[in-house]
C-alpha cells in the first residue's frame, strides 16, 4: 500500500498529491482503470451541483489534483463521481461488536491483485474538518476509516441496479469521517443527502452505538443490533425493504453470502463475549471462508483492518490476513 499524508486545505492537499505523483511518473489519466465515457460524463455533470451544495471542499481537492497532474478537471470528476455507480468491482466484509471491554470495528477489502500496490492508507488532517486514518483502492474517496472522535465507518458495495445523481459510496464514507462525530450524526446525514449508488455502510462510534445502513438513491434502511451487540454485512442487502434491489443470482459477488454467514454465525455463538483476537480470527478466515481466495483468479483480500475504538488502537494487514500478521498503526491519535 501507498501511505499518504494530506494537510492544509483540500485544494492544497490535492495539488501536492497530484504534483508528487506526476514527478514520480504517475499520470492518473493514463491508468487503464481511468474510464471516461459519455454516459459517465453526463452522470458526473448532474452530480456536481449536489457536491457544490453539500461538500464543495471535495471538488476543490479534485481540482487541486487535476492542477497538480496538469490534467482535465472535468475528466477527473467524471472518473471519481461516477465510481460505484456503473461497475461491480470491489468486495468486502464489515462487522462491529461491543461488550464491557471492547468496542471494535473490522473490515476486509477484497479486490484485484493486479492493482494492490496502488492501494492507499491515508492520514488526512485538513483545515476545518475532522482528521482521520482511512484506506482506499482509489483516491479522494475512502472505503473505511476512523476519525479523531473515534467514529469508524466502512462500505460494502452492492451491484448498481439503480443510480441517480448524488454522492457515491466512497464519498459518503469520506464525508462522514470528516464531518460527523457519532453514529447518530452519520445516519442523519445519510437520510438527507442525495445518494448515487447502492451500498451498505457499517458505522460505530466511541460510545458503542452501531448500525448497518443499507441505502441506495431511493431508500435508507437503518439496521440496529437487537439484544446482541453486533452487526454484520457483506456485498448484498439483507433487510426486507431492500429485497427488490438485491444482487441477481448470476452476479459474481465473491462468496458474499458465505462471508456474511461466517461472520454472523461466529459472533452470534460468542454470546456477547468478544475480543480483539476474535476480530482477527474472523477476518483471517479461522472460522470459515472469509479471505481464502485463489490469487490465480486475480482476486484476493488486499487489506484487513481493525479499529479498536475503546482502546484507541488501529491494526492493519497490508495484504491477506490468512498469510500476514496484523500490525498496529500508531501514527494516528484517536481523542
Protein backbone atom coordinates (compact mmCIF):
# COMPACT_ATOMS: atom_id res chain seq x y z
CA UNK A 1 0.00 0.00 0.00
CA UNK A 2 0.99 3.58 -0.59
CA UNK A 3 0.97 5.72 2.54
CA UNK A 4 -0.12 9.30 2.03
CA UNK A 5 -0.34 12.30 4.35
CA UNK A 6 -2.67 15.14 3.45
CA UNK A 7 -2.54 18.53 5.16
CA UNK A 8 -3.68 22.16 4.82
CA UNK A 9 -6.70 22.99 2.65
CA UNK A 10 -8.45 20.43 0.47
CA UNK A 11 -7.14 22.16 -2.67
CA UNK A 12 -3.55 22.31 -1.36
CA UNK A 13 -3.64 18.66 -0.29
CA UNK A 14 -4.93 17.63 -3.73
CA UNK A 15 -2.43 19.77 -5.60
CA UNK A 16 0.53 18.45 -3.61
CA UNK A 17 -0.52 14.84 -4.14
CA UNK A 18 -1.23 15.28 -7.87
CA UNK A 19 2.09 17.05 -8.36
CA UNK A 20 4.01 14.43 -6.37
CA UNK A 21 2.57 11.58 -8.47
CA UNK A 22 3.45 13.39 -11.67
CA UNK A 23 7.05 13.90 -10.50
CA UNK A 24 7.25 10.13 -9.98
CA UNK A 25 5.96 9.49 -13.49
CA UNK A 26 2.42 8.50 -12.49
CA UNK A 27 -0.31 10.14 -14.55
CA UNK A 28 -3.78 9.27 -13.30
CA UNK A 29 -5.49 9.79 -16.64
CA UNK A 30 -3.21 7.22 -18.30
CA UNK A 31 -4.03 4.37 -15.90
CA UNK A 32 -6.07 1.61 -17.53
CA UNK A 33 -8.73 1.86 -14.81
CA UNK A 34 -9.36 5.52 -15.68
CA UNK A 35 -12.65 5.06 -17.52
CA UNK A 36 -14.32 8.01 -19.26
CA UNK A 37 -17.50 7.62 -21.31
CA UNK A 38 -20.28 9.89 -22.48
CA UNK A 39 -22.71 8.25 -20.05
CA UNK A 40 -20.38 8.78 -17.12
CA UNK A 41 -19.65 12.37 -18.15
CA UNK A 42 -23.36 13.12 -18.11
CA UNK A 43 -23.75 11.44 -14.73
CA UNK A 44 -20.86 13.35 -13.14
CA UNK A 45 -22.11 16.64 -14.56
CA UNK A 46 -25.52 16.01 -12.98
CA UNK A 47 -23.94 15.17 -9.61
CA UNK A 48 -21.61 18.17 -9.36
CA UNK A 49 -24.33 20.63 -8.16
CA UNK A 50 -25.07 18.26 -5.26
CA UNK A 51 -21.42 18.22 -4.22
CA UNK A 52 -21.26 22.01 -4.57
CA UNK A 53 -24.18 22.31 -2.17
CA UNK A 54 -23.19 19.73 0.46
CA UNK A 55 -19.44 19.16 0.08
CA UNK A 56 -17.68 21.86 -2.01
CA UNK A 57 -14.33 21.07 -0.36
CA UNK A 58 -14.14 17.72 -2.11
CA UNK A 59 -14.47 19.38 -5.52
CA UNK A 60 -11.66 21.72 -4.50
CA UNK A 61 -9.49 18.71 -3.71
CA UNK A 62 -10.25 17.15 -7.10
CA UNK A 63 -9.40 20.49 -8.77
CA UNK A 64 -6.12 20.55 -6.86
CA UNK A 65 -5.23 17.05 -8.06
CA UNK A 66 -6.08 17.99 -11.65
CA UNK A 67 -3.92 21.12 -11.46
CA UNK A 68 -1.06 19.18 -9.88
CA UNK A 69 -1.33 16.50 -12.56
CA UNK A 70 -1.88 19.07 -15.32
CA UNK A 71 -4.87 17.06 -16.49
CA UNK A 72 -8.57 17.69 -17.16
CA UNK A 73 -10.64 18.55 -14.06
CA UNK A 74 -13.81 17.51 -15.92
CA UNK A 75 -12.39 14.08 -16.73
CA UNK A 76 -11.18 13.60 -13.17
CA UNK A 77 -14.66 14.44 -11.86
CA UNK A 78 -16.16 12.01 -14.35
CA UNK A 79 -13.89 9.22 -13.15
CA UNK A 80 -14.39 9.86 -9.41
CA UNK A 81 -18.04 10.91 -9.17
CA UNK A 82 -19.31 8.04 -11.32
CA UNK A 83 -17.39 5.37 -9.44
CA UNK A 84 -19.52 2.66 -7.76
CA UNK A 85 -22.46 3.63 -9.99
CA UNK A 86 -21.72 1.65 -13.16
CA UNK A 87 -19.45 -1.30 -12.40
CA UNK A 88 -19.36 -4.10 -9.85
CA UNK A 89 -15.73 -4.44 -8.95
CA UNK A 90 -14.81 -4.44 -5.26
CA UNK A 91 -15.99 -6.73 -2.49
CA UNK A 92 -15.68 -6.60 1.28
CA UNK A 93 -16.96 -7.74 4.66
CA UNK A 94 -17.71 -5.48 7.65
CA UNK A 95 -18.72 -6.12 11.24
CA UNK A 96 -18.83 -4.30 14.55
CA UNK A 97 -19.30 -5.54 18.08
CA UNK A 98 -19.09 -4.42 21.70
CA UNK A 99 -19.06 -5.81 25.22
CA UNK A 100 -17.85 -4.41 28.55
CA UNK A 101 -14.22 -4.50 27.43
CA UNK A 102 -14.43 -3.95 23.67
CA UNK A 103 -15.81 -1.62 21.02
CA UNK A 104 -14.44 -2.97 17.74
CA UNK A 105 -14.93 -2.47 14.00
CA UNK A 106 -13.48 -4.96 11.48
CA UNK A 107 -13.28 -4.95 7.70
CA UNK A 108 -11.71 -6.94 4.87
CA UNK A 109 -11.29 -5.30 1.48
CA UNK A 110 -11.33 -7.80 -1.38
CA UNK A 111 -10.24 -6.57 -4.80
CA UNK A 112 -7.98 -7.11 -7.81
CA UNK A 113 -4.43 -8.25 -7.10
CA UNK A 114 -3.04 -6.51 -10.19
CA UNK A 115 -3.61 -3.14 -8.52
CA UNK A 116 -2.75 -3.96 -4.91
CA UNK A 117 0.50 -1.95 -4.86
CA UNK A 118 -1.52 1.16 -5.71
CA UNK A 119 -3.97 0.88 -2.80
CA UNK A 120 -3.59 3.58 -0.18
CA UNK A 121 -3.62 4.16 3.53
CA UNK A 122 -4.27 7.86 4.11
CA UNK A 123 -3.74 10.20 7.04
CA UNK A 124 -5.91 13.26 6.46
CA UNK A 125 -5.58 16.37 8.63
CA UNK A 126 -7.20 19.14 6.63
CA UNK A 127 -8.46 22.59 7.53
CA UNK A 128 -11.87 22.91 9.21
CA UNK A 129 -12.77 19.18 9.20
CA UNK A 130 -12.02 16.20 11.44
CA UNK A 131 -8.78 14.32 10.86
CA UNK A 132 -8.91 10.59 10.09
CA UNK A 133 -6.97 7.47 9.17
CA UNK A 134 -8.52 5.67 6.18
CA UNK A 135 -7.95 3.17 3.37
CA UNK A 136 -8.92 3.19 -0.28
CA UNK A 137 -8.50 1.38 -3.59
CA UNK A 138 -8.77 4.72 -5.38
CA UNK A 139 -8.06 8.24 -4.09
CA UNK A 140 -10.12 11.12 -2.69
CA UNK A 141 -12.82 8.58 -1.83
CA UNK A 142 -12.39 6.40 1.28
CA UNK A 143 -13.65 2.86 1.84
CA UNK A 144 -13.05 2.53 5.57
CA UNK A 145 -11.59 4.68 8.30
CA UNK A 146 -11.75 6.09 11.81
CA UNK A 147 -11.67 9.76 12.71
CA UNK A 148 -10.22 11.68 15.64
CA UNK A 149 -13.50 11.36 17.58
CA UNK A 150 -13.50 7.56 17.39
CA UNK A 151 -16.17 7.26 14.69
CA UNK A 152 -15.45 4.30 12.38
CA UNK A 153 -17.23 3.65 9.09
CA UNK A 154 -16.76 1.23 6.19
CA UNK A 155 -18.59 0.45 2.98
CA UNK A 156 -19.59 -2.72 1.22
CA UNK A 157 -20.55 -2.29 -2.41
CA UNK A 158 -23.80 -3.62 -3.92
CA UNK A 159 -24.38 -4.28 -7.60
CA UNK A 160 -25.65 -0.98 -9.15
CA UNK A 161 -29.17 -1.89 -10.23
CA UNK A 162 -30.22 1.77 -9.85
CA UNK A 163 -28.39 5.09 -9.89
CA UNK A 164 -29.23 8.77 -9.53
CA UNK A 165 -27.26 11.97 -9.25
CA UNK A 166 -25.69 12.28 -5.83
CA UNK A 167 -22.92 11.03 -3.52
CA UNK A 168 -21.39 7.67 -4.32
CA UNK A 169 -20.30 5.13 -1.68
CA UNK A 170 -16.71 6.30 -1.27
CA UNK A 171 -17.73 9.95 -0.98
CA UNK A 172 -20.33 9.08 1.68
CA UNK A 173 -17.63 7.45 3.79
CA UNK A 174 -15.23 10.36 3.26
CA UNK A 175 -17.87 12.94 4.27
CA UNK A 176 -18.87 11.05 7.41
CA UNK A 177 -15.25 10.78 8.56
CA UNK A 178 -14.63 14.48 8.03
CA UNK A 179 -17.92 15.87 9.32
CA UNK A 180 -19.52 13.52 11.88
CA UNK A 181 -18.71 12.61 15.49
CA UNK A 182 -21.37 9.98 16.19
CA UNK A 183 -23.37 7.21 14.56
CA UNK A 184 -26.49 9.31 15.01
CA UNK A 185 -24.97 12.24 13.10
CA UNK A 186 -23.84 9.95 10.29
CA UNK A 187 -27.32 8.43 9.91
CA UNK A 188 -28.91 11.90 9.88
CA UNK A 189 -26.57 12.88 7.04
CA UNK A 190 -27.41 9.75 5.03
CA UNK A 191 -31.12 10.47 5.37
CA UNK A 192 -30.82 13.96 3.90
CA UNK A 193 -28.16 13.63 1.18
CA UNK A 194 -28.97 12.55 -2.40
CA UNK A 195 -27.31 9.14 -2.84
CA UNK A 196 -26.00 7.90 -6.20
CA UNK A 197 -25.06 4.25 -5.69
CA UNK A 198 -26.08 1.07 -3.85
CA UNK A 199 -24.13 0.13 -0.73
CA UNK A 200 -24.16 -0.73 2.93
CA UNK A 201 -22.35 1.40 5.48
CA UNK A 202 -21.27 -0.03 8.83
CA UNK A 203 -20.98 2.70 11.46
CA UNK A 204 -19.61 2.52 15.02
CA UNK A 205 -18.87 5.35 17.44
CA UNK A 206 -16.87 5.66 20.65
CA UNK A 207 -19.99 5.10 22.77
CA UNK A 208 -20.57 1.71 21.16
CA UNK A 209 -23.55 2.89 19.10
CA UNK A 210 -23.57 0.86 15.90
CA UNK A 211 -25.70 0.33 12.81
CA UNK A 212 -25.71 -1.07 9.31
CA UNK A 213 -27.21 1.38 6.83
CA UNK A 214 -28.46 -0.27 3.64
CA UNK A 215 -29.06 2.50 1.14
CA UNK A 216 -29.49 3.48 -2.48
CA UNK A 217 -30.97 6.53 -4.26
CA UNK A 218 -34.49 5.66 -3.09
CA UNK A 219 -34.26 4.03 0.35
CA UNK A 220 -32.17 4.44 3.50
CA UNK A 221 -32.80 1.48 5.79
CA UNK A 222 -31.09 1.50 9.19
CA UNK A 223 -30.42 -1.84 10.90
CA UNK A 224 -29.59 -1.70 14.60
CA UNK A 225 -28.44 -4.67 16.68
CA UNK A 226 -31.17 -6.43 18.64
CA UNK A 227 -30.33 -7.90 22.03
CA UNK A 228 -26.93 -8.97 20.75
CA UNK A 229 -24.37 -6.21 20.40
CA UNK A 230 -23.04 -6.89 16.93
CA UNK A 231 -23.80 -6.12 13.28
CA UNK A 232 -22.52 -7.80 10.11
CA UNK A 233 -22.73 -7.12 6.38
CA UNK A 234 -21.13 -8.14 3.09
CA UNK A 235 -21.94 -7.44 -0.57
CA UNK A 236 -25.71 -7.76 -0.54
CA UNK A 237 -28.77 -6.30 1.15
CA UNK A 238 -30.38 -8.27 3.98
CA UNK A 239 -33.40 -6.18 5.02
CA UNK A 240 -36.89 -6.89 3.68
CA UNK A 241 -37.28 -3.33 2.41
CA UNK A 242 -34.17 -3.62 0.21
CA UNK A 243 -35.04 -7.03 -1.29
CA UNK A 244 -36.11 -5.56 -4.67
CA UNK A 245 -32.60 -4.10 -5.05
CA UNK A 246 -30.57 -7.18 -4.13
CA UNK A 247 -27.94 -8.73 -6.39
CA UNK A 248 -29.16 -11.01 -9.14
CA UNK A 249 -28.26 -14.69 -8.72
CA UNK A 250 -25.98 -14.54 -11.76
CA UNK A 251 -23.80 -11.81 -10.22
CA UNK A 252 -20.37 -12.97 -9.03
CA UNK A 253 -20.27 -11.36 -5.58
CA UNK A 254 -17.17 -13.26 -4.43
CA UNK A 255 -18.94 -15.54 -1.93
CA UNK A 256 -20.76 -12.64 -0.27
CA UNK A 257 -23.43 -14.82 1.36
CA UNK A 258 -20.86 -17.26 2.72
CA UNK A 259 -18.71 -14.46 4.15
CA UNK A 260 -21.76 -12.88 5.77
CA UNK A 261 -22.91 -16.18 7.29
CA UNK A 262 -19.47 -16.99 8.69
CA UNK A 263 -19.14 -13.63 10.47
CA UNK A 264 -22.77 -13.58 11.64
CA UNK A 265 -22.74 -17.16 13.00
CA UNK A 266 -19.39 -16.69 14.72
CA UNK A 267 -20.43 -13.51 16.52
CA UNK A 268 -23.79 -14.98 17.48
CA UNK A 269 -22.13 -18.01 19.05
CA UNK A 270 -19.93 -15.85 21.30
CA UNK A 271 -22.99 -15.00 23.47
CA UNK A 272 -21.88 -11.41 23.96
CA UNK A 273 -18.24 -12.13 24.90
CA UNK A 274 -15.84 -10.65 22.33
CA UNK A 275 -12.18 -9.78 21.91
CA UNK A 276 -9.62 -8.23 19.59
CA UNK A 277 -8.28 -11.72 18.83
CA UNK A 278 -11.77 -12.84 17.78
CA UNK A 279 -11.92 -10.00 15.25
CA UNK A 280 -8.52 -11.00 13.88
CA UNK A 281 -9.54 -14.66 13.65
CA UNK A 282 -12.80 -13.91 11.79
CA UNK A 283 -11.08 -11.66 9.26
CA UNK A 284 -8.26 -14.15 8.70
CA UNK A 285 -10.68 -16.99 7.93
CA UNK A 286 -10.21 -19.17 11.01
CA UNK A 287 -13.97 -19.64 11.43
CA UNK A 288 -14.77 -20.29 7.77
CA UNK A 289 -14.46 -18.72 4.34
CA UNK A 290 -13.54 -15.06 4.56
CA UNK A 291 -10.32 -14.37 2.66
CA UNK A 292 -9.33 -17.74 1.21
CA UNK A 293 -9.26 -16.60 -2.42
CA UNK A 294 -7.19 -18.23 -5.14
CA UNK A 295 -4.86 -15.43 -6.25
CA UNK A 296 -4.50 -17.11 -9.62
CA UNK A 297 -8.02 -15.88 -10.41
CA UNK A 298 -6.87 -12.29 -9.86
CA UNK A 299 -8.89 -11.80 -6.67
CA UNK A 300 -7.74 -11.58 -3.06
CA UNK A 301 -8.16 -9.78 0.23
CA UNK A 302 -5.89 -6.78 -0.31
CA UNK A 303 -6.08 -5.35 3.21
CA UNK A 304 -7.74 -6.07 6.53
CA UNK A 305 -8.28 -3.50 9.28
CA UNK A 306 -9.50 -3.41 12.87
CA UNK A 307 -10.43 -0.22 14.68
CA UNK A 308 -10.25 -0.88 18.42
CA UNK A 309 -12.28 2.15 19.42
CA UNK A 310 -12.37 1.60 23.21
CA UNK A 311 -8.60 1.28 23.45
CA UNK A 312 -7.89 3.84 20.70
CA UNK A 313 -5.80 1.47 18.59
CA UNK A 314 -5.64 0.59 14.88
CA UNK A 315 -4.45 -2.73 13.46
CA UNK A 316 -4.00 -3.43 9.75
CA UNK A 317 -2.76 -6.15 7.42
CA UNK A 318 -1.49 -4.85 4.09
CA UNK A 319 -2.42 -7.97 2.19
CA UNK A 320 -4.31 -11.14 3.04
CA UNK A 321 -4.72 -11.72 6.81
CA UNK A 322 -4.55 -15.50 6.39
CA UNK A 323 -0.93 -15.10 5.25
CA UNK A 324 0.23 -11.93 7.01
CA UNK A 325 0.01 -10.64 10.58
CA UNK A 326 -1.88 -7.62 11.84
CA UNK A 327 0.41 -4.72 12.74
CA UNK A 328 -0.51 -1.78 14.92
CA UNK A 329 -0.57 1.64 13.26
CA UNK A 330 0.47 4.17 15.91
CA UNK A 331 0.69 7.26 13.66
CA UNK A 332 -2.86 8.46 14.27
CA UNK A 333 -4.34 9.64 17.57
CA UNK A 334 -7.98 8.99 18.46
CA UNK A 335 -9.09 11.54 21.06
